[in-house]
Amino acid sequence: MTVFRVEPTRRAFADADEAFMWIYNEAPEAAVRWYDGLLDAMRSLERNPLRWGLAREDPFFEEEIRQFVYGRYRVLYTVRKKTVYVLRVRHSARETLTPKDE
């Protein structure tokens, strides 16, 4: 089985940090568990990242945008050769991302 390298972008880490702080203000211990779980979920993309479907953002971008859902958050990523780039971590209630939002 092919193993992929997972590379979260700075923007994905910034999104995750923002979500962590929001959760932390309500429940510090839950925030730590959430963040650790998010990192584990991202690492799981090392094996078969194509198992998840296309994101609703996919039609707006030239490259294929996939997603998996972690709690109330959608993790958006793309696969290039043997590397998975985690692009964003977005609350599922937020509007669809478009290229102009980047």
C-alpha atoms as a PDB file:
ATOM      1  CA  MET A   1       0.000   0.000   0.000  1.00  0.00           C
ATOM      2  CA  THR A   2       1.248   3.467  -0.890  1.00  0.00           C
ATOM      3  CA  VAL A   3       1.964   5.752   2.033  1.00  0.00           C
ATOM      4  CA  PHE A   4       1.406   9.452   1.428  1.00  0.00           C
ATOM      5  CA  ARG A   5       3.156  12.338   3.135  1.00  0.00           C
ATOM      6  CA  VAL A   6       0.697  14.696   4.881  1.00  0.00           C
ATOM      7  CA  GLU A   7       1.585  18.391   4.832  1.00  0.00           C
ATOM      8  CA  PRO A   8      -0.815  20.803   6.564  1.00  0.00           C
ATOM      9  CA  THR A   9      -0.493  24.362   5.267  1.00  0.00           C
ATOM     10  CA  ARG A  10       0.042  27.380   7.484  1.00  0.00           C
ATOM     11  CA  ARG A  11      -3.539  28.394   6.767  1.00  0.00           C
ATOM     12  CA  ALA A  12      -4.829  24.991   7.920  1.00  0.00           C
ATOM     13  CA  PHE A  13      -2.864  25.332  11.177  1.00  0.00           C
ATOM     14  CA  ALA A  14      -4.183  28.883  11.636  1.00  0.00           C
ATOM     15  CA  ASP A  15      -7.751  27.629  11.116  1.00  0.00           C
ATOM     16  CA  ALA A  16      -7.190  24.792  13.595  1.00  0.00           C
ATOM     17  CA  ASP A  17      -5.657  27.162  16.149  1.00  0.00           C
ATOM     18  CA  GLU A  18      -8.622  29.515  15.831  1.00  0.00           C
ATOM     19  CA  ALA A  19     -11.067  26.650  16.357  1.00  0.00           C
ATOM     20  CA  PHE A  20      -9.008  25.379  19.292  1.00  0.00           C
ATOM     21  CA  MET A  21      -9.141  28.770  21.017  1.00  0.00           C
ATOM     22  CA  TRP A  22     -12.907  29.026  20.504  1.00  0.00           C
ATOM     23  CA  ILE A  23     -13.411  25.567  22.022  1.00  0.00           C
ATOM     24  CA  TYR A  24     -10.847  26.257  24.754  1.00  0.00           C
ATOM     25  CA  ASN A  25     -12.791  29.280  25.986  1.00  0.00           C
ATOM     26  CA  GLU A  26     -15.753  27.000  26.651  1.00  0.00           C
ATOM     27  CA  ALA A  27     -14.044  23.754  27.675  1.00  0.00           C
ATOM     28  CA  PRO A  28     -10.233  23.654  27.940  1.00  0.00           C
ATOM     29  CA  GLU A  29      -9.884  19.872  28.306  1.00  0.00           C
ATOM     30  CA  ALA A  30     -12.247  19.227  25.419  1.00  0.00           C
ATOM     31  CA  ALA A  31     -10.210  21.621  23.273  1.00  0.00           C
ATOM     32  CA  VAL A  32      -7.025  19.655  23.880  1.00  0.00           C
ATOM     33  CA  ARG A  33      -8.773  16.363  23.034  1.00  0.00           C
ATOM     34  CA  TRP A  34     -10.293  17.951  19.910  1.00  0.00           C
ATOM     35  CA  TYR A  35      -6.932  19.252  18.669  1.00  0.00           C
ATOM     36  CA  ASP A  36      -5.116  15.980  19.318  1.00  0.00           C
ATOM     37  CA  GLY A  37      -7.895  14.112  17.521  1.00  0.00           C
ATOM     38  CA  LEU A  38      -7.725  16.506  14.590  1.00  0.00           C
ATOM     39  CA  LEU A  39      -4.003  15.872  14.184  1.00  0.00           C
ATOM     40  CA  ASP A  40      -4.605  12.115  14.329  1.00  0.00           C
ATOM     41  CA  ALA A  41      -7.353  12.431  11.714  1.00  0.00           C
ATOM     42  CA  MET A  42      -5.015  14.408   9.433  1.00  0.00           C
ATOM     43  CA  ARG A  43      -2.297  11.784   9.857  1.00  0.00           C
ATOM     44  CA  SER A  44      -4.788   9.112   8.823  1.00  0.00           C
ATOM     45  CA  LEU A  45      -4.633  10.610   5.327  1.00  0.00           C
ATOM     46  CA  GLU A  46      -1.259   8.872   4.961  1.00  0.00           C
ATOM     47  CA  ARG A  47      -3.194   5.813   3.884  1.00  0.00           C
ATOM     48  CA  ASN A  48      -5.761   6.037   1.105  1.00  0.00           C
ATOM     49  CA  PRO A  49      -6.572   9.776   1.101  1.00  0.00           C
ATOM     50  CA  LEU A  50      -8.857   9.222  -1.895  1.00  0.00           C
ATOM     51  CA  ARG A  51     -11.342   7.359   0.315  1.00  0.00           C
ATOM     52  CA  TRP A  52     -13.059  10.653   1.135  1.00  0.00           C
ATOM     53  CA  GLY A  53     -15.303  12.450  -1.320  1.00  0.00           C
ATOM     54  CA  LEU A  54     -14.992  15.703  -3.140  1.00  0.00           C
ATOM     55  CA  ALA A  55     -15.693  18.874  -1.192  1.00  0.00           C
ATOM     56  CA  ARG A  56     -18.453  21.254  -2.223  1.00  0.00           C
ATOM     57  CA  GLU A  57     -15.619  23.674  -3.087  1.00  0.00           C
ATOM     58  CA  ASP A  58     -14.224  21.336  -5.749  1.00  0.00           C
ATOM     59  CA  PRO A  59     -15.994  22.902  -8.769  1.00  0.00           C
ATOM     60  CA  PHE A  60     -14.462  26.305  -7.975  1.00  0.00           C
ATOM     61  CA  PHE A  61     -10.825  25.197  -8.052  1.00  0.00           C
ATOM     62  CA  GLU A  62      -8.572  23.820 -10.771  1.00  0.00           C
ATOM     63  CA  GLU A  63      -7.199  21.038  -8.592  1.00  0.00           C
ATOM     64  CA  GLU A  64      -9.327  18.404  -6.928  1.00  0.00           C
ATOM     65  CA  ILE A  65     -10.467  19.437  -3.440  1.00  0.00           C
ATOM     66  CA  ARG A  66     -11.515  16.642  -1.081  1.00  0.00           C
ATOM     67  CA  GLN A  67     -12.813  16.722   2.455  1.00  0.00           C
ATOM     68  CA  PHE A  68     -13.395  14.708   5.554  1.00  0.00           C
ATOM     69  CA  VAL A  69     -15.547  15.747   8.464  1.00  0.00           C
ATOM     70  CA  TYR A  70     -14.104  15.901  11.955  1.00  0.00           C
ATOM     71  CA  GLY A  71     -16.776  16.794  14.495  1.00  0.00           C
ATOM     72  CA  ARG A  72     -18.321  20.030  13.271  1.00  0.00           C
ATOM     73  CA  TYR A  73     -15.373  20.849  11.022  1.00  0.00           C
ATOM     74  CA  ARG A  74     -14.603  20.055   7.413  1.00  0.00           C
ATOM     75  CA  VAL A  75     -10.957  19.403   6.627  1.00  0.00           C
ATOM     76  CA  LEU A  76     -10.209  20.382   3.028  1.00  0.00           C
ATOM     77  CA  TYR A  77      -7.243  18.854   1.258  1.00  0.00           C
ATOM     78  CA  THR A  78      -5.752  18.046  -2.114  1.00  0.00           C
ATOM     79  CA  VAL A  79      -3.524  15.207  -3.248  1.00  0.00           C
ATOM     80  CA  ARG A  80      -0.505  15.887  -5.460  1.00  0.00           C
ATOM     81  CA  LYS A  81       1.472  12.808  -6.398  1.00  0.00           C
ATOM     82  CA  LYS A  82       2.383  11.219  -3.046  1.00  0.00           C
ATOM     83  CA  THR A  83       1.705  14.255  -0.862  1.00  0.00           C
ATOM     84  CA  VAL A  84      -1.566  15.264   0.781  1.00  0.00           C
ATOM     85  CA  TYR A  85      -1.801  19.005   1.395  1.00  0.00           C
ATOM     86  CA  VAL A  86      -4.282  19.916   4.112  1.00  0.00           C
ATOM     87  CA  LEU A  87      -5.546  23.286   2.957  1.00  0.00           C
ATOM     88  CA  ARG A  88      -8.162  24.429   5.460  1.00  0.00           C
ATOM     89  CA  VAL A  89     -10.096  23.452   8.570  1.00  0.00           C
ATOM     90  CA  ARG A  90     -13.530  25.068   8.325  1.00  0.00           C
ATOM     91  CA  HIS A  91     -16.569  24.929  10.552  1.00  0.00           C
ATOM     92  CA  SER A  92     -19.321  23.161   8.639  1.00  0.00           C
ATOM     93  CA  ALA A  93     -21.676  26.128   9.102  1.00  0.00           C
ATOM     94  CA  ARG A  94     -19.363  28.482   7.209  1.00  0.00           C
ATOM     95  CA  GLU A  95     -20.004  29.435   3.616  1.00  0.00           C
ATOM     96  CA  THR A  96     -18.409  27.563   0.733  1.00  0.00           C
ATOM     97  CA  LEU A  97     -14.814  28.603   0.126  1.00  0.00           C
ATOM     98  CA  THR A  98     -13.988  30.118  -3.274  1.00  0.00           C
ATOM     99  CA  PRO A  99     -10.636  31.038  -4.852  1.00  0.00           C
ATOM    100  CA  LYS A 100     -11.168  34.713  -3.966  1.00  0.00           C
ATOM    101  CA  ASP A 101     -11.272  33.747  -0.270  1.00  0.00           C
ATOM    102  CA  GLU A 102      -7.715  32.509  -0.399  1.00  0.00           C
END
